[in-house]
Amino acid sequence: MTRIHLIIFGDVQGVGFRAWVQRMAQSMQLTGWVKNRKDGTVELVAEGSEESLKKMFKLCRKGPDIAGIENIQSTWQEKPQEFLAFEIIR
């Protein structure tokens, strides 16, 4: 199972970014989670096919129209499947 771990920088909190990520992930049958971090970034861990994860990465580079993405740190890993659904962590 392929996993991507993203830290997304920019205007990404208070703009519906986590809900948007969850909708995109669910539409691509990805599992994992997304959460706001205290430093103003958003953290995302997703598992699924490499193709779907590449698509998620590209979508996150653009974000929803109201967000302003400045930068993304990404880490790709091969891991055993850990998650059953895609959740927003509060």
PDB file of N, CA and C in Angstrom:
ATOM      1  N   MET A   1       0.861  -1.175   0.000  1.00  0.00           N
ATOM      2  CA  MET A   1       0.000   0.000   0.000  1.00  0.00           C
ATOM      3  C   MET A   1       0.902   1.231   0.000  1.00  0.00           C
ATOM      4  N   THR A   2       0.559   2.187  -0.837  1.00  0.00           N
ATOM      5  CA  THR A   2       1.314   3.426  -0.911  1.00  0.00           C
ATOM      6  C   THR A   2       0.654   4.473  -0.019  1.00  0.00           C
ATOM      7  N   ARG A   3       1.502   5.265   0.638  1.00  0.00           N
ATOM      8  CA  ARG A   3       1.023   6.305   1.547  1.00  0.00           C
ATOM      9  C   ARG A   3       1.743   7.608   1.229  1.00  0.00           C
ATOM     10  N   ILE A   4       0.994   8.710   1.320  1.00  0.00           N
ATOM     11  CA  ILE A   4       1.587  10.039   1.192  1.00  0.00           C
ATOM     12  C   ILE A   4       1.296  10.819   2.473  1.00  0.00           C
ATOM     13  N   HIS A   5       2.303  11.560   2.910  1.00  0.00           N
ATOM     14  CA  HIS A   5       2.177  12.419   4.085  1.00  0.00           C
ATOM     15  C   HIS A   5       2.488  13.837   3.612  1.00  0.00           C
ATOM     16  N   LEU A   6       1.528  14.740   3.759  1.00  0.00           N
ATOM     17  CA  LEU A   6       1.679  16.112   3.290  1.00  0.00           C
ATOM     18  C   LEU A   6       1.546  17.098   4.437  1.00  0.00           C
ATOM     19  N   ILE A   7       2.348  18.143   4.394  1.00  0.00           N
ATOM     20  CA  ILE A   7       2.174  19.320   5.229  1.00  0.00           C
ATOM     21  C   ILE A   7       1.940  20.462   4.245  1.00  0.00           C
ATOM     22  N   ILE A   8       0.797  21.125   4.366  1.00  0.00           N
ATOM     23  CA  ILE A   8       0.379  22.145   3.395  1.00  0.00           C
ATOM     24  C   ILE A   8       0.441  23.506   4.070  1.00  0.00           C
ATOM     25  N   PHE A   9       1.204  24.405   3.461  1.00  0.00           N
ATOM     26  CA  PHE A   9       1.432  25.743   3.993  1.00  0.00           C
ATOM     27  C   PHE A   9       0.628  26.762   3.193  1.00  0.00           C
ATOM     28  N   GLY A  10       0.220  27.817   3.866  1.00  0.00           N
ATOM     29  CA  GLY A  10      -0.495  28.902   3.204  1.00  0.00           C
ATOM     30  C   GLY A  10      -1.758  29.252   3.962  1.00  0.00           C
ATOM     31  N   ASP A  11      -2.707  29.837   3.246  1.00  0.00           N
ATOM     32  CA  ASP A  11      -4.007  30.189   3.826  1.00  0.00           C
ATOM     33  C   ASP A  11      -4.902  28.960   3.697  1.00  0.00           C
ATOM     34  N   VAL A  12      -4.744  28.028   4.649  1.00  0.00           N
ATOM     35  CA  VAL A  12      -5.420  26.734   4.539  1.00  0.00           C
ATOM     36  C   VAL A  12      -6.299  26.396   5.746  1.00  0.00           C
ATOM     37  N   GLN A  13      -6.341  27.261   6.739  1.00  0.00           N
ATOM     38  CA  GLN A  13      -7.220  27.035   7.886  1.00  0.00           C
ATOM     39  C   GLN A  13      -8.348  28.066   7.860  1.00  0.00           C
ATOM     40  N   GLY A  14      -9.547  27.602   8.223  1.00  0.00           N
ATOM     41  CA  GLY A  14     -10.704  28.487   8.246  1.00  0.00           C
ATOM     42  C   GLY A  14     -11.301  28.751   6.874  1.00  0.00           C
ATOM     43  N   VAL A  15     -10.911  27.933   5.889  1.00  0.00           N
ATOM     44  CA  VAL A  15     -11.406  28.128   4.523  1.00  0.00           C
ATOM     45  C   VAL A  15     -12.059  26.863   3.958  1.00  0.00           C
ATOM     46  N   GLY A  16     -12.345  25.886   4.831  1.00  0.00           N
ATOM     47  CA  GLY A  16     -12.977  24.652   4.378  1.00  0.00           C
ATOM     48  C   GLY A  16     -12.024  23.663   3.734  1.00  0.00           C
ATOM     49  N   PHE A  17     -10.734  23.864   3.945  1.00  0.00           N
ATOM     50  CA  PHE A  17      -9.743  23.015   3.287  1.00  0.00           C
ATOM     51  C   PHE A  17      -9.855  21.550   3.707  1.00  0.00           C
ATOM     52  N   ARG A  18     -10.013  21.280   5.010  1.00  0.00           N
ATOM     53  CA  ARG A  18     -10.091  19.890   5.470  1.00  0.00           C
ATOM     54  C   ARG A  18     -11.312  19.173   4.890  1.00  0.00           C
ATOM     55  N   ALA A  19     -12.452  19.829   4.873  1.00  0.00           N
ATOM     56  CA  ALA A  19     -13.666  19.213   4.314  1.00  0.00           C
ATOM     57  C   ALA A  19     -13.490  18.955   2.822  1.00  0.00           C
ATOM     58  N   TRP A  20     -12.849  19.887   2.134  1.00  0.00           N
ATOM     59  CA  TRP A  20     -12.585  19.714   0.701  1.00  0.00           C
ATOM     60  C   TRP A  20     -11.670  18.510   0.475  1.00  0.00           C
ATOM     61  N   VAL A  21     -10.594  18.402   1.284  1.00  0.00           N
ATOM     62  CA  VAL A  21      -9.672  17.268   1.168  1.00  0.00           C
ATOM     63  C   VAL A  21     -10.425  15.961   1.409  1.00  0.00           C
ATOM     64  N   GLN A  22     -11.273  15.932   2.424  1.00  0.00           N
ATOM     65  CA  GLN A  22     -12.021  14.714   2.717  1.00  0.00           C
ATOM     66  C   GLN A  22     -12.906  14.307   1.534  1.00  0.00           C
ATOM     67  N   ARG A  23     -13.607  15.270   0.936  1.00  0.00           N
ATOM     68  CA  ARG A  23     -14.455  14.960  -0.233  1.00  0.00           C
ATOM     69  C   ARG A  23     -13.613  14.415  -1.386  1.00  0.00           C
ATOM     70  N   MET A  24     -12.475  15.040  -1.666  1.00  0.00           N
ATOM     71  CA  MET A  24     -11.604  14.593  -2.763  1.00  0.00           C
ATOM     72  C   MET A  24     -11.082  13.181  -2.468  1.00  0.00           C
ATOM     73  N   ALA A  25     -10.626  12.950  -1.234  1.00  0.00           N
ATOM     74  CA  ALA A  25     -10.084  11.639  -0.861  1.00  0.00           C
ATOM     75  C   ALA A  25     -11.142  10.554  -0.982  1.00  0.00           C
ATOM     76  N   GLN A  26     -12.328  10.830  -0.488  1.00  0.00           N
ATOM     77  CA  GLN A  26     -13.397   9.831  -0.554  1.00  0.00           C
ATOM     78  C   GLN A  26     -13.785   9.535  -1.999  1.00  0.00           C
ATOM     79  N   SER A  27     -13.780  10.547  -2.853  1.00  0.00           N
ATOM     80  CA  SER A  27     -14.129  10.327  -4.261  1.00  0.00           C
ATOM     81  C   SER A  27     -13.091   9.465  -4.977  1.00  0.00           C
ATOM     82  N   MET A  28     -11.856   9.440  -4.445  1.00  0.00           N
ATOM     83  CA  MET A  28     -10.784   8.627  -5.036  1.00  0.00           C
ATOM     84  C   MET A  28     -10.535   7.341  -4.254  1.00  0.00           C
ATOM     85  N   GLN A  29     -11.404   7.054  -3.302  1.00  0.00           N
ATOM     86  CA  GLN A  29     -11.322   5.850  -2.464  1.00  0.00           C
ATOM     87  C   GLN A  29     -10.007   5.773  -1.688  1.00  0.00           C
ATOM     88  N   LEU A  30      -9.543   6.928  -1.216  1.00  0.00           N
ATOM     89  CA  LEU A  30      -8.364   6.982  -0.363  1.00  0.00           C
ATOM     90  C   LEU A  30      -8.804   6.861   1.086  1.00  0.00           C
ATOM     91  N   THR A  31      -7.936   6.347   1.927  1.00  0.00           N
ATOM     92  CA  THR A  31      -8.172   6.296   3.358  1.00  0.00           C
ATOM     93  C   THR A  31      -7.097   7.112   4.060  1.00  0.00           C
ATOM     94  N   GLY A  32      -7.369   7.530   5.304  1.00  0.00           N
ATOM     95  CA  GLY A  32      -6.390   8.299   6.058  1.00  0.00           C
ATOM     96  C   GLY A  32      -7.051   9.386   6.864  1.00  0.00           C
ATOM     97  N   TRP A  33      -6.367  10.529   6.981  1.00  0.00           N
ATOM     98  CA  TRP A  33      -6.890  11.626   7.791  1.00  0.00           C
ATOM     99  C   TRP A  33      -6.285  12.960   7.367  1.00  0.00           C
ATOM    100  N   VAL A  34      -6.953  14.034   7.814  1.00  0.00           N
ATOM    101  CA  VAL A  34      -6.476  15.397   7.606  1.00  0.00           C
ATOM    102  C   VAL A  34      -6.760  16.179   8.883  1.00  0.00           C
ATOM    103  N   LYS A  35      -5.847  17.082   9.248  1.00  0.00           N
ATOM    104  CA  LYS A  35      -6.059  17.883  10.463  1.00  0.00           C
ATOM    105  C   LYS A  35      -5.351  19.224  10.348  1.00  0.00           C
ATOM    106  N   ASN A  36      -5.878  20.209  11.090  1.00  0.00           N
ATOM    107  CA  ASN A  36      -5.208  21.492  11.262  1.00  0.00           C
ATOM    108  C   ASN A  36      -4.098  21.315  12.289  1.00  0.00           C
ATOM    109  N   ARG A  37      -2.993  22.015  12.068  1.00  0.00           N
ATOM    110  CA  ARG A  37      -1.904  22.018  13.044  1.00  0.00           C
ATOM    111  C   ARG A  37      -1.826  23.387  13.705  1.00  0.00           C
ATOM    112  N   LYS A  38      -1.276  23.429  14.896  1.00  0.00           N
ATOM    113  CA  LYS A  38      -1.192  24.672  15.656  1.00  0.00           C
ATOM    114  C   LYS A  38      -0.384  25.753  14.947  1.00  0.00           C
ATOM    115  N   ASP A  39       0.517  25.369  14.048  1.00  0.00           N
ATOM    116  CA  ASP A  39       1.352  26.347  13.349  1.00  0.00           C
ATOM    117  C   ASP A  39       0.670  26.965  12.122  1.00  0.00           C
ATOM    118  N   GLY A  40      -0.610  26.632  11.901  1.00  0.00           N
ATOM    119  CA  GLY A  40      -1.360  27.213  10.785  1.00  0.00           C
ATOM    120  C   GLY A  40      -1.335  26.390   9.518  1.00  0.00           C
ATOM    121  N   THR A  41      -0.629  25.272   9.534  1.00  0.00           N
ATOM    122  CA  THR A  41      -0.590  24.392   8.369  1.00  0.00           C
ATOM    123  C   THR A  41      -1.675  23.329   8.491  1.00  0.00           C
ATOM    124  N   VAL A  42      -1.842  22.566   7.427  1.00  0.00           N
ATOM    125  CA  VAL A  42      -2.732  21.406   7.426  1.00  0.00           C
ATOM    126  C   VAL A  42      -1.875  20.179   7.145  1.00  0.00           C
ATOM    127  N   GLU A  43      -2.123  19.107   7.905  1.00  0.00           N
ATOM    128  CA  GLU A  43      -1.398  17.853   7.742  1.00  0.00           C
ATOM    129  C   GLU A  43      -2.357  16.809   7.188  1.00  0.00           C
ATOM    130  N   LEU A  44      -1.860  16.015   6.272  1.00  0.00           N
ATOM    131  CA  LEU A  44      -2.673  15.025   5.572  1.00  0.00           C
ATOM    132  C   LEU A  44      -1.876  13.734   5.435  1.00  0.00           C
ATOM    133  N   VAL A  45      -2.491  12.618   5.772  1.00  0.00           N
ATOM    134  CA  VAL A  45      -1.934  11.292   5.517  1.00  0.00           C
ATOM    135  C   VAL A  45      -2.995  10.521   4.745  1.00  0.00           C
ATOM    136  N   ALA A  46      -2.613   9.992   3.587  1.00  0.00           N
ATOM    137  CA  ALA A  46      -3.573   9.255   2.763  1.00  0.00           C
ATOM    138  C   ALA A  46      -2.923   7.985   2.221  1.00  0.00           C
ATOM    139  N   GLU A  47      -3.737   6.941   2.104  1.00  0.00           N
ATOM    140  CA  GLU A  47      -3.311   5.661   1.554  1.00  0.00           C
ATOM    141  C   GLU A  47      -4.210   5.303   0.383  1.00  0.00           C
ATOM    142  N   GLY A  48      -3.614   4.622  -0.576  1.00  0.00           N
ATOM    143  CA  GLY A  48      -4.377   4.177  -1.733  1.00  0.00           C
ATOM    144  C   GLY A  48      -3.459   3.865  -2.888  1.00  0.00           C
ATOM    145  N   SER A  49      -4.018   3.857  -4.076  1.00  0.00           N
ATOM    146  CA  SER A  49      -3.207   3.580  -5.255  1.00  0.00           C
ATOM    147  C   SER A  49      -2.274   4.754  -5.526  1.00  0.00           C
ATOM    148  N   GLU A  50      -1.135   4.463  -6.091  1.00  0.00           N
ATOM    149  CA  GLU A  50      -0.163   5.505  -6.410  1.00  0.00           C
ATOM    150  C   GLU A  50      -0.776   6.557  -7.338  1.00  0.00           C
ATOM    151  N   GLU A  51      -1.569   6.109  -8.293  1.00  0.00           N
ATOM    152  CA  GLU A  51      -2.228   7.026  -9.232  1.00  0.00           C
ATOM    153  C   GLU A  51      -3.156   7.999  -8.501  1.00  0.00           C
ATOM    154  N   SER A  52      -3.968   7.475  -7.587  1.00  0.00           N
ATOM    155  CA  SER A  52      -4.894   8.327  -6.834  1.00  0.00           C
ATOM    156  C   SER A  52      -4.147   9.279  -5.910  1.00  0.00           C
ATOM    157  N   LEU A  53      -3.061   8.811  -5.313  1.00  0.00           N
ATOM    158  CA  LEU A  53      -2.282   9.678  -4.431  1.00  0.00           C
ATOM    159  C   LEU A  53      -1.592  10.797  -5.214  1.00  0.00           C
ATOM    160  N   LYS A  54      -1.116  10.497  -6.404  1.00  0.00           N
ATOM    161  CA  LYS A  54      -0.525  11.547  -7.250  1.00  0.00           C
ATOM    162  C   LYS A  54      -1.582  12.584  -7.610  1.00  0.00           C
ATOM    163  N   LYS A  55      -2.793  12.127  -7.889  1.00  0.00           N
ATOM    164  CA  LYS A  55      -3.889  13.042  -8.192  1.00  0.00           C
ATOM    165  C   LYS A  55      -4.217  13.910  -6.976  1.00  0.00           C
ATOM    166  N   MET A  56      -4.254  13.307  -5.784  1.00  0.00           N
ATOM    167  CA  MET A  56      -4.516  14.062  -4.555  1.00  0.00           C
ATOM    168  C   MET A  56      -3.437  15.124  -4.342  1.00  0.00           C
ATOM    169  N   PHE A  57      -2.193  14.757  -4.563  1.00  0.00           N
ATOM    170  CA  PHE A  57      -1.095  15.715  -4.408  1.00  0.00           C
ATOM    171  C   PHE A  57      -1.287  16.906  -5.348  1.00  0.00           C
ATOM    172  N   LYS A  58      -1.615  16.642  -6.593  1.00  0.00           N
ATOM    173  CA  LYS A  58      -1.844  17.723  -7.557  1.00  0.00           C
ATOM    174  C   LYS A  58      -3.023  18.592  -7.151  1.00  0.00           C
ATOM    175  N   LEU A  59      -4.098  17.970  -6.677  1.00  0.00           N
ATOM    176  CA  LEU A  59      -5.259  18.732  -6.216  1.00  0.00           C
ATOM    177  C   LEU A  59      -4.897  19.623  -5.027  1.00  0.00           C
ATOM    178  N   CYS A  60      -4.113  19.101  -4.103  1.00  0.00           N
ATOM    179  CA  CYS A  60      -3.720  19.881  -2.925  1.00  0.00           C
ATOM    180  C   CYS A  60      -2.807  21.048  -3.296  1.00  0.00           C
ATOM    181  N   ARG A  61      -2.066  20.940  -4.360  1.00  0.00           N
ATOM    182  CA  ARG A  61      -1.218  22.058  -4.800  1.00  0.00           C
ATOM    183  C   ARG A  61      -2.067  23.244  -5.236  1.00  0.00           C
ATOM    184  N   LYS A  62      -3.283  22.961  -5.706  1.00  0.00           N
ATOM    185  CA  LYS A  62      -4.204  24.019  -6.126  1.00  0.00           C
ATOM    186  C   LYS A  62      -5.165  24.380  -4.987  1.00  0.00           C
ATOM    187  N   GLY A  63      -5.739  23.361  -4.340  1.00  0.00           N
ATOM    188  CA  GLY A  63      -6.681  23.573  -3.250  1.00  0.00           C
ATOM    189  C   GLY A  63      -8.018  24.092  -3.736  1.00  0.00           C
ATOM    190  N   PRO A  64      -8.960  24.301  -2.815  1.00  0.00           N
ATOM    191  CA  PRO A  64     -10.226  24.928  -3.195  1.00  0.00           C
ATOM    192  C   PRO A  64      -9.962  26.403  -3.511  1.00  0.00           C
ATOM    193  N   ASP A  65     -10.849  27.021  -4.259  1.00  0.00           N
ATOM    194  CA  ASP A  65     -10.627  28.398  -4.720  1.00  0.00           C
ATOM    195  C   ASP A  65     -10.357  29.389  -3.595  1.00  0.00           C
ATOM    196  N   ILE A  66     -10.950  29.190  -2.435  1.00  0.00           N
ATOM    197  CA  ILE A  66     -10.823  30.140  -1.330  1.00  0.00           C
ATOM    198  C   ILE A  66      -9.476  30.012  -0.592  1.00  0.00           C
ATOM    199  N   ALA A  67      -8.797  28.890  -0.751  1.00  0.00           N
ATOM    200  CA  ALA A  67      -7.510  28.662  -0.074  1.00  0.00           C
ATOM    201  C   ALA A  67      -6.378  29.294  -0.874  1.00  0.00           C
ATOM    202  N   GLY A  68      -5.273  29.527  -0.195  1.00  0.00           N
ATOM    203  CA  GLY A  68      -4.066  30.032  -0.849  1.00  0.00           C
ATOM    204  C   GLY A  68      -2.888  29.141  -0.490  1.00  0.00           C
ATOM    205  N   ILE A  69      -2.509  28.251  -1.376  1.00  0.00           N
ATOM    206  CA  ILE A  69      -1.433  27.290  -1.115  1.00  0.00           C
ATOM    207  C   ILE A  69      -0.092  27.947  -1.435  1.00  0.00           C
ATOM    208  N   GLU A  70       0.814  27.930  -0.455  1.00  0.00           N
ATOM    209  CA  GLU A  70       2.149  28.499  -0.647  1.00  0.00           C
ATOM    210  C   GLU A  70       3.191  27.425  -0.916  1.00  0.00           C
ATOM    211  N   ASN A  71       3.083  26.301  -0.212  1.00  0.00           N
ATOM    212  CA  ASN A  71       4.092  25.255  -0.342  1.00  0.00           C
ATOM    213  C   ASN A  71       3.518  23.952   0.211  1.00  0.00           C
ATOM    214  N   ILE A  72       4.096  22.830  -0.232  1.00  0.00           N
ATOM    215  CA  ILE A  72       3.715  21.518   0.296  1.00  0.00           C
ATOM    216  C   ILE A  72       4.994  20.714   0.523  1.00  0.00           C
ATOM    217  N   GLN A  73       5.112  20.139   1.707  1.00  0.00           N
ATOM    218  CA  GLN A  73       6.163  19.159   1.983  1.00  0.00           C
ATOM    219  C   GLN A  73       5.528  17.785   1.821  1.00  0.00           C
ATOM    220  N   SER A  74       6.185  16.899   1.110  1.00  0.00           N
ATOM    221  CA  SER A  74       5.603  15.574   0.890  1.00  0.00           C
ATOM    222  C   SER A  74       6.607  14.479   1.204  1.00  0.00           C
ATOM    223  N   THR A  75       6.064  13.384   1.725  1.00  0.00           N
ATOM    224  CA  THR A  75       6.828  12.167   1.975  1.00  0.00           C
ATOM    225  C   THR A  75       6.007  11.004   1.450  1.00  0.00           C
ATOM    226  N   TRP A  76       6.631  10.165   0.630  1.00  0.00           N
ATOM    227  CA  TRP A  76       5.972   8.980   0.092  1.00  0.00           C
ATOM    228  C   TRP A  76       6.539   7.756   0.798  1.00  0.00           C
ATOM    229  N   GLN A  77       5.665   6.790   1.117  1.00  0.00           N
ATOM    230  CA  GLN A  77       6.090   5.586   1.817  1.00  0.00           C
ATOM    231  C   GLN A  77       5.319   4.381   1.312  1.00  0.00           C
ATOM    232  N   GLU A  78       5.912   3.225   1.478  1.00  0.00           N
ATOM    233  CA  GLU A  78       5.195   1.960   1.291  1.00  0.00           C
ATOM    234  C   GLU A  78       4.912   1.436   2.691  1.00  0.00           C
ATOM    235  N   LYS A  79       3.647   1.294   3.040  1.00  0.00           N
ATOM    236  CA  LYS A  79       3.240   0.869   4.374  1.00  0.00           C
ATOM    237  C   LYS A  79       2.090  -0.128   4.239  1.00  0.00           C
ATOM    238  N   PRO A  80       1.917  -0.989   5.236  1.00  0.00           N
ATOM    239  CA  PRO A  80       0.704  -1.813   5.246  1.00  0.00           C
ATOM    240  C   PRO A  80      -0.509  -0.925   5.470  1.00  0.00           C
ATOM    241  N   GLN A  81      -1.629  -1.314   4.929  1.00  0.00           N
ATOM    242  CA  GLN A  81      -2.846  -0.512   5.075  1.00  0.00           C
ATOM    243  C   GLN A  81      -3.192  -0.361   6.550  1.00  0.00           C
ATOM    244  N   GLU A  82      -3.374   0.894   6.969  1.00  0.00           N
ATOM    245  CA  GLU A  82      -3.646   1.189   8.369  1.00  0.00           C
ATOM    246  C   GLU A  82      -5.057   1.731   8.599  1.00  0.00           C
ATOM    247  N   PHE A  83      -5.627   2.395   7.608  1.00  0.00           N
ATOM    248  CA  PHE A  83      -6.888   3.116   7.799  1.00  0.00           C
ATOM    249  C   PHE A  83      -8.033   2.451   7.048  1.00  0.00           C
ATOM    250  N   LEU A  84      -9.252   2.635   7.570  1.00  0.00           N
ATOM    251  CA  LEU A  84     -10.445   2.066   6.944  1.00  0.00           C
ATOM    252  C   LEU A  84     -11.277   3.111   6.213  1.00  0.00           C
ATOM    253  N   ALA A  85     -11.122   4.376   6.575  1.00  0.00           N
ATOM    254  CA  ALA A  85     -11.899   5.474   5.992  1.00  0.00           C
ATOM    255  C   ALA A  85     -11.012   6.708   5.942  1.00  0.00           C
ATOM    256  N   PHE A  86     -11.551   7.817   5.421  1.00  0.00           N
ATOM    257  CA  PHE A  86     -10.826   9.077   5.426  1.00  0.00           C
ATOM    258  C   PHE A  86     -11.551  10.020   6.364  1.00  0.00           C
ATOM    259  N   GLU A  87     -10.838  10.492   7.398  1.00  0.00           N
ATOM    260  CA  GLU A  87     -11.462  11.267   8.460  1.00  0.00           C
ATOM    261  C   GLU A  87     -10.819  12.640   8.637  1.00  0.00           C
ATOM    262  N   ILE A  88     -11.604  13.553   9.167  1.00  0.00           N
ATOM    263  CA  ILE A  88     -11.091  14.832   9.629  1.00  0.00           C
ATOM    264  C   ILE A  88     -10.805  14.674  11.113  1.00  0.00           C
ATOM    265  N   ILE A  89      -9.582  14.969  11.513  1.00  0.00           N
ATOM    266  CA  ILE A  89      -9.227  14.923  12.928  1.00  0.00           C
ATOM    267  C   ILE A  89      -9.385  16.337  13.470  1.00  0.00           C
ATOM    268  N   ARG A  90     -10.115  16.483  14.542  1.00  0.00           N
ATOM    269  CA  ARG A  90     -10.359  17.791  15.133  1.00  0.00           C
ATOM    270  C   ARG A  90      -9.488  18.017  16.340  1.00  0.00           C
TER     271      ARG A  90
END
